[in-house]
N, C-alpha and C. Protein backbone atom coordinates (compact mmCIF):
# COMPACT_ATOMS: atom_id res chain seq x y z
N MET A 1 60.97 99.10 103.31
CA MET A 1 62.16 99.41 103.62
C MET A 1 62.33 99.35 104.78
N THR A 2 62.97 99.03 105.89
CA THR A 2 62.71 99.36 107.31
C THR A 2 64.29 99.60 107.54
N GLN A 3 64.48 99.54 108.77
CA GLN A 3 65.65 99.72 109.57
C GLN A 3 65.52 100.03 111.26
N ARG A 4 66.39 99.84 111.68
CA ARG A 4 66.00 100.32 113.19
C ARG A 4 67.24 101.07 113.81
N LEU A 5 66.52 102.58 114.18
CA LEU A 5 67.11 103.87 114.53
C LEU A 5 67.98 103.96 115.79
N SER A 6 68.54 104.45 115.99
CA SER A 6 69.04 104.63 117.01
C SER A 6 68.45 105.82 117.78
N ALA A 7 68.53 106.29 119.00
CA ALA A 7 67.91 107.11 119.97
C ALA A 7 68.28 108.71 118.72
N HIS A 8 69.68 109.27 118.55
CA HIS A 8 70.44 110.43 117.98
C HIS A 8 69.82 110.33 116.44
N ASP A 9 69.82 109.22 116.24
CA ASP A 9 69.72 109.20 114.72
C ASP A 9 68.22 109.92 114.85
N LEU A 10 66.79 109.09 115.28
CA LEU A 10 65.78 109.36 115.16
C LEU A 10 65.39 110.90 115.47
N ALA A 11 66.73 111.65 116.95
CA ALA A 11 66.25 112.41 116.87
C ALA A 11 66.52 113.83 116.16
N GLU A 12 67.40 113.54 115.06
CA GLU A 12 67.71 114.02 114.05
C GLU A 12 66.96 114.23 113.15
N GLN A 13 66.43 113.01 112.94
CA GLN A 13 65.06 113.25 112.04
C GLN A 13 64.39 113.67 112.61
N LEU A 14 63.43 113.82 113.95
CA LEU A 14 62.56 114.54 114.30
C LEU A 14 62.72 115.75 113.74
N ALA A 15 63.79 116.44 114.53
CA ALA A 15 64.07 117.67 114.63
C ALA A 15 64.13 118.37 113.16
N SER A 16 64.64 118.13 111.79
CA SER A 16 64.21 117.77 110.42
C SER A 16 62.74 117.37 109.85
N LYS A 17 62.33 117.32 111.02
CA LYS A 17 61.14 116.76 110.82
C LYS A 17 60.39 115.91 109.28
N ARG A 18 61.93 115.15 109.06
CA ARG A 18 61.56 113.93 108.30
C ARG A 18 60.44 112.30 108.22
N VAL A 19 60.49 112.43 109.57
CA VAL A 19 59.52 111.55 110.23
C VAL A 19 58.35 111.93 111.05
N THR A 20 57.43 110.70 110.86
CA THR A 20 56.15 111.06 112.02
C THR A 20 56.39 109.63 112.90
N VAL A 21 56.69 110.37 114.34
CA VAL A 21 56.78 108.98 115.33
C VAL A 21 55.65 108.31 115.38
N ILE A 22 55.03 106.81 115.86
CA ILE A 22 54.07 106.25 115.87
C ILE A 22 54.75 105.46 117.26
N ASP A 23 53.86 105.71 118.62
CA ASP A 23 53.90 105.07 119.80
C ASP A 23 53.11 104.53 119.63
N VAL A 24 53.23 102.80 119.88
CA VAL A 24 52.89 101.69 119.54
C VAL A 24 52.35 101.37 120.92
N ARG A 25 52.88 101.95 122.32
CA ARG A 25 52.04 101.75 123.35
C ARG A 25 50.89 101.77 123.83
N GLU A 26 50.27 101.06 125.19
CA GLU A 26 49.03 101.70 125.52
C GLU A 26 49.07 102.72 125.81
N PRO A 27 47.89 103.85 125.86
CA PRO A 27 47.63 105.11 125.90
C PRO A 27 48.25 105.22 127.21
N MET A 28 47.99 104.44 128.43
CA MET A 28 48.49 104.87 130.29
C MET A 28 50.17 104.67 129.99
N GLU A 29 50.83 103.74 129.21
CA GLU A 29 52.06 103.95 129.26
C GLU A 29 52.40 105.25 128.14
N PHE A 30 51.85 105.15 127.22
CA PHE A 30 52.12 106.56 126.59
C PHE A 30 51.88 107.94 127.66
N ALA A 31 50.96 108.36 128.29
CA ALA A 31 50.41 109.42 128.95
C ALA A 31 51.79 109.58 130.01
N GLY A 32 52.87 108.38 130.54
CA GLY A 32 53.77 108.47 131.51
C GLY A 32 55.19 108.97 131.14
N GLY A 33 55.17 109.07 129.94
CA GLY A 33 56.17 109.39 129.21
C GLY A 33 56.19 109.15 127.70
N HIS A 34 56.96 110.03 126.63
CA HIS A 34 56.42 109.77 125.34
C HIS A 34 57.46 110.83 124.90
N ILE A 35 57.89 110.58 123.87
CA ILE A 35 58.09 111.25 122.38
C ILE A 35 57.37 112.28 122.37
N ALA A 36 57.98 113.54 121.97
CA ALA A 36 56.90 114.81 121.84
C ALA A 36 56.93 114.70 120.45
N GLY A 37 55.65 115.15 120.10
CA GLY A 37 55.53 115.13 119.06
C GLY A 37 55.14 113.86 118.44
N SER A 38 54.79 112.84 119.02
CA SER A 38 54.58 111.57 118.70
C SER A 38 52.84 111.73 119.07
N LEU A 39 52.38 110.10 118.02
CA LEU A 39 50.93 109.51 117.87
C LEU A 39 51.24 108.72 118.27
N ASN A 40 49.76 108.47 119.47
CA ASN A 40 49.69 107.21 120.15
C ASN A 40 48.58 106.40 119.44
N VAL A 41 48.97 105.13 118.48
CA VAL A 41 48.36 104.13 118.08
C VAL A 41 48.59 103.31 118.79
N PRO A 42 48.00 102.47 119.83
CA PRO A 42 47.95 101.09 120.41
C PRO A 42 48.76 100.11 118.98
N LEU A 43 49.55 99.06 119.55
CA LEU A 43 49.73 97.70 118.54
C LEU A 43 48.42 96.98 117.81
N SER A 44 47.69 96.94 118.71
CA SER A 44 46.36 96.09 118.95
C SER A 44 45.20 97.01 117.79
N ARG A 45 45.92 97.90 117.37
CA ARG A 45 45.01 99.56 116.60
C ARG A 45 45.72 99.66 115.27
N LEU A 46 46.94 99.32 115.26
CA LEU A 46 47.59 99.40 114.50
C LEU A 46 47.37 99.42 112.54
N ALA A 47 46.90 97.94 112.92
CA ALA A 47 46.96 97.29 111.42
C ALA A 47 45.11 98.01 110.72
N GLN A 48 44.40 98.51 111.75
CA GLN A 48 42.83 99.47 111.37
C GLN A 48 43.20 100.73 110.92
N ALA A 49 44.56 101.59 111.92
CA ALA A 49 44.71 102.90 111.60
C ALA A 49 44.75 103.65 110.75
N ASP A 50 43.65 104.91 110.86
CA ASP A 50 44.53 105.80 109.63
C ASP A 50 45.68 106.61 109.79
N LEU A 51 46.82 106.18 109.21
CA LEU A 51 48.18 106.83 109.60
C LEU A 51 48.87 108.02 108.57
N PRO A 52 49.74 108.55 109.00
CA PRO A 52 50.12 109.55 108.35
C PRO A 52 50.81 109.54 107.42
N GLU A 53 50.96 110.42 106.11
CA GLU A 53 51.73 110.01 104.84
C GLU A 53 53.23 109.98 105.33
N GLY A 54 54.20 109.49 104.63
CA GLY A 54 55.70 109.24 104.35
C GLY A 54 56.04 108.78 105.35
N PRO A 55 57.42 108.69 105.88
CA PRO A 55 58.26 107.87 106.44
C PRO A 55 57.54 107.94 107.79
N LEU A 56 57.28 106.80 108.23
CA LEU A 56 57.25 106.63 110.14
C LEU A 56 58.13 105.54 110.80
N VAL A 57 58.10 106.13 112.16
CA VAL A 57 59.36 105.14 112.55
C VAL A 57 58.33 105.14 114.27
N LEU A 58 58.06 103.55 114.26
CA LEU A 58 57.50 102.83 115.61
C LEU A 58 58.48 103.00 117.10
N VAL A 59 57.81 103.47 118.16
CA VAL A 59 58.55 103.42 119.19
C VAL A 59 57.77 102.45 120.54
N CYS A 60 58.14 101.82 121.48
CA CYS A 60 57.56 101.22 122.31
C CYS A 60 58.55 101.18 123.42
N GLN A 61 58.02 100.16 124.06
CA GLN A 61 59.07 100.38 125.63
C GLN A 61 60.13 99.68 125.49
N SER A 62 60.53 98.18 125.04
CA SER A 62 61.74 97.77 124.62
C SER A 62 62.36 97.36 122.88
N GLY A 63 61.48 97.59 122.32
CA GLY A 63 61.58 97.49 121.08
C GLY A 63 60.77 96.23 120.30
N ASN A 64 59.67 95.50 120.95
CA ASN A 64 59.50 94.39 120.63
C ASN A 64 58.06 94.63 120.09
N ARG A 65 57.58 95.34 120.82
CA ARG A 65 56.07 96.07 119.59
C ARG A 65 56.04 96.36 118.83
N SER A 66 57.33 97.28 118.64
CA SER A 66 57.41 98.08 117.57
C SER A 66 57.80 97.22 116.30
N ALA A 67 58.94 96.34 116.75
CA ALA A 67 59.45 95.40 115.41
C ALA A 67 58.04 94.47 115.06
N LYS A 68 56.92 93.90 115.84
CA LYS A 68 55.51 93.48 115.49
C LYS A 68 55.20 94.73 114.47
N GLY A 69 54.94 96.01 114.81
CA GLY A 69 54.01 97.05 114.55
C GLY A 69 54.45 96.83 113.16
N VAL A 70 56.19 97.12 112.80
CA VAL A 70 56.83 97.30 111.35
C VAL A 70 56.14 96.18 110.79
N GLN A 71 56.43 95.09 111.10
CA GLN A 71 55.96 93.52 110.09
C GLN A 71 54.73 94.37 109.84
N THR A 72 53.65 94.44 110.57
CA THR A 72 52.08 94.80 110.64
C THR A 72 51.94 95.74 109.05
N LEU A 73 52.96 96.62 109.50
CA LEU A 73 52.68 97.85 108.18
C LEU A 73 53.27 97.59 107.11
N LEU A 74 54.02 96.49 106.98
CA LEU A 74 54.64 95.48 106.02
C LEU A 74 53.73 94.90 105.14
N GLN A 75 53.28 94.11 105.97
CA GLN A 75 52.06 92.63 105.45
C GLN A 75 50.70 93.60 104.91
N ARG A 76 50.60 95.10 105.38
CA ARG A 76 50.12 95.88 105.02
C ARG A 76 50.23 96.61 103.74
N GLY A 77 50.64 96.62 103.41
CA GLY A 77 51.23 97.13 101.96
C GLY A 77 51.55 98.80 102.06
N HIS A 78 52.07 99.42 103.78
CA HIS A 78 52.42 100.57 103.32
C HIS A 78 53.42 101.24 102.47
N GLY A 79 52.94 102.23 102.11
CA GLY A 79 53.90 102.89 100.98
C GLY A 79 55.25 103.81 101.57
N HIS A 80 55.24 103.53 102.17
CA HIS A 80 56.21 104.39 102.64
C HIS A 80 57.71 103.79 103.48
N PRO A 81 59.01 104.64 104.10
CA PRO A 81 59.60 103.33 105.09
C PRO A 81 59.23 103.70 106.52
N VAL A 82 58.95 102.65 106.78
CA VAL A 82 59.03 102.23 108.28
C VAL A 82 60.21 101.64 108.88
N SER A 83 60.57 102.50 110.16
CA SER A 83 61.93 102.16 111.16
C SER A 83 61.48 102.09 112.34
N ASP A 84 61.85 101.51 113.07
CA ASP A 84 61.84 101.50 114.78
C ASP A 84 63.13 101.77 115.57
N LEU A 85 62.58 102.37 116.28
CA LEU A 85 63.62 102.77 117.63
C LEU A 85 64.03 101.69 117.81
N GLU A 86 65.58 101.64 117.78
CA GLU A 86 66.38 100.40 118.42
C GLU A 86 66.23 100.52 120.37
N GLY A 87 65.54 99.81 120.60
CA GLY A 87 65.92 99.80 122.43
C GLY A 87 64.85 100.55 123.23
N GLY A 88 64.16 101.16 122.59
CA GLY A 88 62.84 101.20 122.25
C GLY A 88 62.78 103.11 123.84
N ILE A 89 62.02 103.02 124.25
CA ILE A 89 62.07 104.41 125.36
C ILE A 89 63.23 104.61 125.81
N PRO A 90 63.69 103.39 126.81
CA PRO A 90 65.20 103.58 127.61
C PRO A 90 66.26 104.33 126.58
N SER A 91 66.46 103.29 125.61
CA SER A 91 67.28 104.38 124.64
C SER A 91 67.18 105.66 124.33
N TRP A 92 66.23 106.02 124.48
CA TRP A 92 65.48 107.20 124.18
C TRP A 92 66.21 108.13 125.34
N GLN A 93 65.98 107.51 126.64
CA GLN A 93 66.14 108.20 127.59
C GLN A 93 68.07 108.22 128.28
N GLN A 94 68.28 107.15 127.83
CA GLN A 94 69.51 106.54 128.09
C GLN A 94 70.91 107.96 127.14
N ALA A 95 70.08 107.87 126.08
CA ALA A 95 70.57 109.32 125.33
C ALA A 95 70.72 110.72 125.95
N GLY A 96 69.98 110.78 126.47
CA GLY A 96 70.17 112.29 127.58
C GLY A 96 69.07 112.77 126.77
N LEU A 97 67.56 112.35 126.37
CA LEU A 97 66.79 113.42 124.89
C LEU A 97 65.39 113.33 126.35
N PRO A 98 64.89 114.13 126.21
CA PRO A 98 63.61 114.45 126.99
C PRO A 98 62.31 113.50 126.24
N LEU A 99 61.76 113.05 127.53
CA LEU A 99 60.49 112.37 127.22
C LEU A 99 59.07 113.79 127.93
N ARG A 100 58.02 113.87 127.30
CA ARG A 100 56.69 114.65 127.57
C ARG A 100 55.48 113.00 128.14
N LYS A 101 55.53 113.99 129.41
CA LYS A 101 54.52 112.86 130.41
C LYS A 101 53.19 113.93 130.46
N LEU A 102 52.09 113.68 130.37
CA LEU A 102 51.01 113.68 130.34
C LEU A 102 50.67 114.45 132.07
N LYS A 103 50.45 115.81 132.07
CA LYS A 103 49.59 115.97 133.72
C LYS A 103 49.08 114.55 134.07
N ASN A 104 48.75 114.28 135.57
CA ASN A 104 48.02 113.42 135.84
C ASN A 104 47.96 112.10 135.05
N ALA A 105 49.22 111.77 134.79
CA ALA A 105 49.10 109.87 134.21
C ALA A 105 49.41 109.31 135.22
N PRO A 106 48.74 107.95 135.25
CA PRO A 106 48.56 107.38 136.58
C PRO A 106 49.99 106.62 136.74
N LEU A 107 50.52 106.09 137.98
CA LEU A 107 51.86 105.13 138.17
C LEU A 107 51.90 104.45 137.11
N PRO A 108 52.78 104.18 136.68
CA PRO A 108 53.19 102.74 135.91
C PRO A 108 52.58 101.63 136.40
N LEU A 109 52.31 100.40 135.51
CA LEU A 109 50.89 99.54 136.15
C LEU A 109 51.91 98.48 136.95
N MET A 110 53.03 98.29 136.72
CA MET A 110 54.25 97.47 137.88
C MET A 110 54.47 98.39 139.03
N ARG A 111 54.32 99.54 138.98
CA ARG A 111 54.34 100.05 140.49
C ARG A 111 53.57 99.82 141.23
N GLN A 112 52.22 100.01 140.08
CA GLN A 112 51.03 99.80 141.09
C GLN A 112 50.39 98.42 141.71
N VAL A 113 50.74 97.32 140.59
CA VAL A 113 51.29 95.67 141.31
C VAL A 113 52.08 95.82 142.52
N GLN A 114 52.90 96.19 142.72
CA GLN A 114 54.08 96.50 143.82
C GLN A 114 53.56 96.81 144.91
N ILE A 115 52.71 97.76 144.68
CA ILE A 115 52.04 99.13 146.21
C ILE A 115 50.73 97.96 146.57
N ALA A 116 49.84 97.22 145.44
CA ALA A 116 49.03 96.79 145.88
C ALA A 116 49.64 94.98 146.45
N ALA A 117 50.29 94.09 145.42
CA ALA A 117 50.78 93.41 146.07
C ALA A 117 51.53 93.49 147.67
N GLY A 118 52.84 94.45 147.48
CA GLY A 118 53.01 94.50 148.87
C GLY A 118 51.97 94.77 150.22
N SER A 119 50.37 95.83 149.87
CA SER A 119 49.85 95.95 150.73
C SER A 119 49.24 94.70 151.25
N LEU A 120 48.92 93.84 150.18
CA LEU A 120 48.20 92.57 150.11
C LEU A 120 48.83 91.80 151.48
N VAL A 121 49.99 91.52 151.00
CA VAL A 121 51.02 90.95 151.71
C VAL A 121 51.06 91.40 153.87
N LEU A 122 51.05 92.79 153.66
CA LEU A 122 51.12 93.69 154.84
C LEU A 122 49.55 93.37 156.07
N LEU A 123 48.85 93.03 155.04
CA LEU A 123 47.76 93.24 155.35
C LEU A 123 47.11 91.56 156.12
N GLY A 124 47.59 90.86 155.05
CA GLY A 124 47.20 89.59 155.49
C GLY A 124 47.99 89.17 156.58
N LEU A 125 49.73 89.93 157.27
CA LEU A 125 50.44 89.18 158.02
C LEU A 125 49.96 90.06 159.27
N ILE A 126 49.04 91.31 159.14
CA ILE A 126 48.77 92.26 160.41
C ILE A 126 47.69 91.55 160.56
N LEU A 127 46.29 90.60 160.01
CA LEU A 127 45.19 90.03 160.04
C LEU A 127 45.34 88.89 160.53
N SER A 128 46.85 87.96 160.60
CA SER A 128 46.31 86.95 160.88
C SER A 128 47.03 86.71 162.47
N GLN A 129 48.01 88.31 162.68
CA GLN A 129 48.46 88.01 164.46
C GLN A 129 47.28 88.81 165.08
N THR A 130 46.60 89.73 164.50
CA THR A 130 45.37 90.65 165.24
C THR A 130 43.87 90.10 165.19
N VAL A 131 43.34 89.35 163.93
CA VAL A 131 42.26 88.32 164.38
C VAL A 131 41.54 87.45 163.85
N ALA A 132 42.88 86.65 162.99
CA ALA A 132 42.49 84.93 163.00
C ALA A 132 44.06 84.49 161.88
N PRO A 133 44.20 83.45 162.74
CA PRO A 133 45.30 82.83 162.02
C PRO A 133 45.28 82.82 160.55
N ALA A 134 44.17 82.78 160.20
CA ALA A 134 43.91 81.82 158.86
C ALA A 134 44.19 82.71 157.87
N TRP A 135 43.98 84.11 158.75
CA TRP A 135 45.18 85.35 157.09
C TRP A 135 45.28 85.33 156.62
N ILE A 136 46.70 84.12 157.33
CA ILE A 136 48.00 83.73 156.81
C ILE A 136 48.02 83.76 154.94
N LEU A 137 46.52 83.23 154.97
CA LEU A 137 46.49 82.59 153.69
C LEU A 137 46.00 83.70 152.36
N LEU A 138 46.34 84.95 152.80
CA LEU A 138 45.97 86.31 151.98
C LEU A 138 47.68 86.27 151.53
N THR A 139 48.62 86.11 152.44
CA THR A 139 49.75 86.10 152.08
C THR A 139 50.25 84.91 151.39
N TRP A 140 49.61 83.55 151.79
CA TRP A 140 50.73 82.74 150.55
C TRP A 140 50.31 82.88 149.29
N PHE A 141 48.47 83.62 149.07
CA PHE A 141 47.62 83.58 147.62
C PHE A 141 48.38 84.46 146.61
N VAL A 142 48.81 85.62 147.58
CA VAL A 142 49.68 86.73 146.59
C VAL A 142 50.77 86.24 145.99
N GLY A 143 51.57 85.84 147.08
CA GLY A 143 52.87 84.90 147.00
C GLY A 143 52.33 83.94 145.64
N ALA A 144 51.63 83.41 145.89
CA ALA A 144 51.68 82.09 144.70
C ALA A 144 51.43 82.96 143.72
N GLY A 145 50.18 84.06 143.29
CA GLY A 145 49.78 84.76 142.19
C GLY A 145 51.58 85.49 141.45
N LEU A 146 52.57 86.04 142.53
CA LEU A 146 53.45 86.82 141.77
C LEU A 146 54.54 86.21 141.24
N VAL A 147 54.63 84.62 141.26
CA VAL A 147 55.01 83.64 141.05
C VAL A 147 54.90 82.80 140.00
N PHE A 148 53.17 82.86 140.03
CA PHE A 148 52.88 82.52 138.45
C PHE A 148 52.86 83.86 137.58
N ALA A 149 53.00 84.59 137.88
CA ALA A 149 52.58 85.93 136.90
C ALA A 149 54.38 85.85 136.11
N GLY A 150 55.50 85.57 137.28
CA GLY A 150 56.81 85.62 137.27
C GLY A 150 56.99 84.35 135.85
N VAL A 151 56.44 82.87 136.31
CA VAL A 151 56.96 82.09 135.46
C VAL A 151 55.74 82.32 134.58
N SER A 152 54.56 82.62 134.10
CA SER A 152 54.04 82.62 133.15
C SER A 152 53.80 83.93 132.53
N GLY A 153 54.17 84.69 132.74
CA GLY A 153 54.07 85.84 131.78
C GLY A 153 52.90 86.73 132.14
N PHE A 154 51.80 85.73 133.08
CA PHE A 154 50.19 86.80 132.96
C PHE A 154 50.33 87.42 134.43
N CYS A 155 49.77 88.22 134.25
CA CYS A 155 49.61 88.64 136.02
C CYS A 155 48.23 89.52 136.06
N GLY A 156 47.19 88.42 137.05
CA GLY A 156 45.75 88.56 136.85
C GLY A 156 45.56 90.13 137.54
N MET A 157 46.66 90.41 138.94
CA MET A 157 46.51 91.44 139.08
C MET A 157 46.89 92.96 138.78
N ALA A 158 47.66 92.98 137.26
CA ALA A 158 47.84 93.92 136.62
C ALA A 158 46.46 94.22 135.81
N ARG A 159 46.40 93.36 135.08
CA ARG A 159 45.11 92.95 134.44
C ARG A 159 43.88 93.96 134.69
N LEU A 160 43.69 93.69 136.40
CA LEU A 160 42.67 93.95 137.02
C LEU A 160 42.93 95.58 137.06
N LEU A 161 44.02 95.60 137.58
CA LEU A 161 44.80 97.27 137.98
C LEU A 161 44.34 97.90 136.72
N ALA A 162 44.34 97.41 135.63
CA ALA A 162 44.29 98.36 134.46
C ALA A 162 43.21 98.47 134.28
N LEU A 163 41.96 98.07 134.30
CA LEU A 163 40.93 98.59 134.44
C LEU A 163 40.02 99.43 135.37
N MET A 164 41.04 99.87 136.39
CA MET A 164 40.54 100.74 137.52
C MET A 164 40.75 102.00 136.86
N PRO A 165 39.33 102.84 137.06
CA PRO A 165 39.00 104.20 136.37
C PRO A 165 40.06 105.15 136.90
N TRP A 166 41.21 104.91 137.32
CA TRP A 166 42.14 105.85 137.60
C TRP A 166 42.98 105.56 136.62
N ASN A 167 42.85 104.44 135.49
CA ASN A 167 44.08 103.99 134.83
C ASN A 167 43.62 104.57 133.63
N LYS A 168 42.26 104.73 133.49
CA LYS A 168 41.65 105.66 131.66
C LYS A 168 42.11 106.68 131.21
N VAL A 169 43.33 106.65 130.04
CA VAL A 169 43.91 107.49 130.23
C VAL A 169 42.53 108.07 128.76
N ASN A 170 42.31 109.98 128.33
CA ASN A 170 41.84 110.07 127.50
C ASN A 170 43.01 110.62 126.94
N LEU A 171 43.12 110.57 125.50
CA LEU A 171 44.09 111.61 124.73
C LEU A 171 44.31 112.54 124.13
């Protein structure tokens, strides 16, 4: 049995302790803001995870990963009702409901990409004017990488930044 819950319905069920919320985002995303009392079980580990008994509600950023997670649990034969939060964490926030943020949570990965890409473009421009004109190739490389990321959905810079030590979150 599955259904999509609105943020207000989920808040009501949480208040009456009728469900357990499973956040299927990565630990770095979870640290940046999550529903109080939720458990972090990334989607990649959901099929093998030891989950609590009773009804579960899966949440993620947009609702895509949580919908996949619901299917994973149904295929696994989870014996309790499984739902997901319609619209993900943004719908929770738009409903005026609070998120809990862990202290020392890293900046969101996309902000890190924007800072790094912008810094590399500026560096390339400055170096091309002060050191050697060939440094302009750095700005071209970053621009091409951003276009590729937008078209393909794969961002090498984001993957690299995610591996950095400041993005390791211990929950």
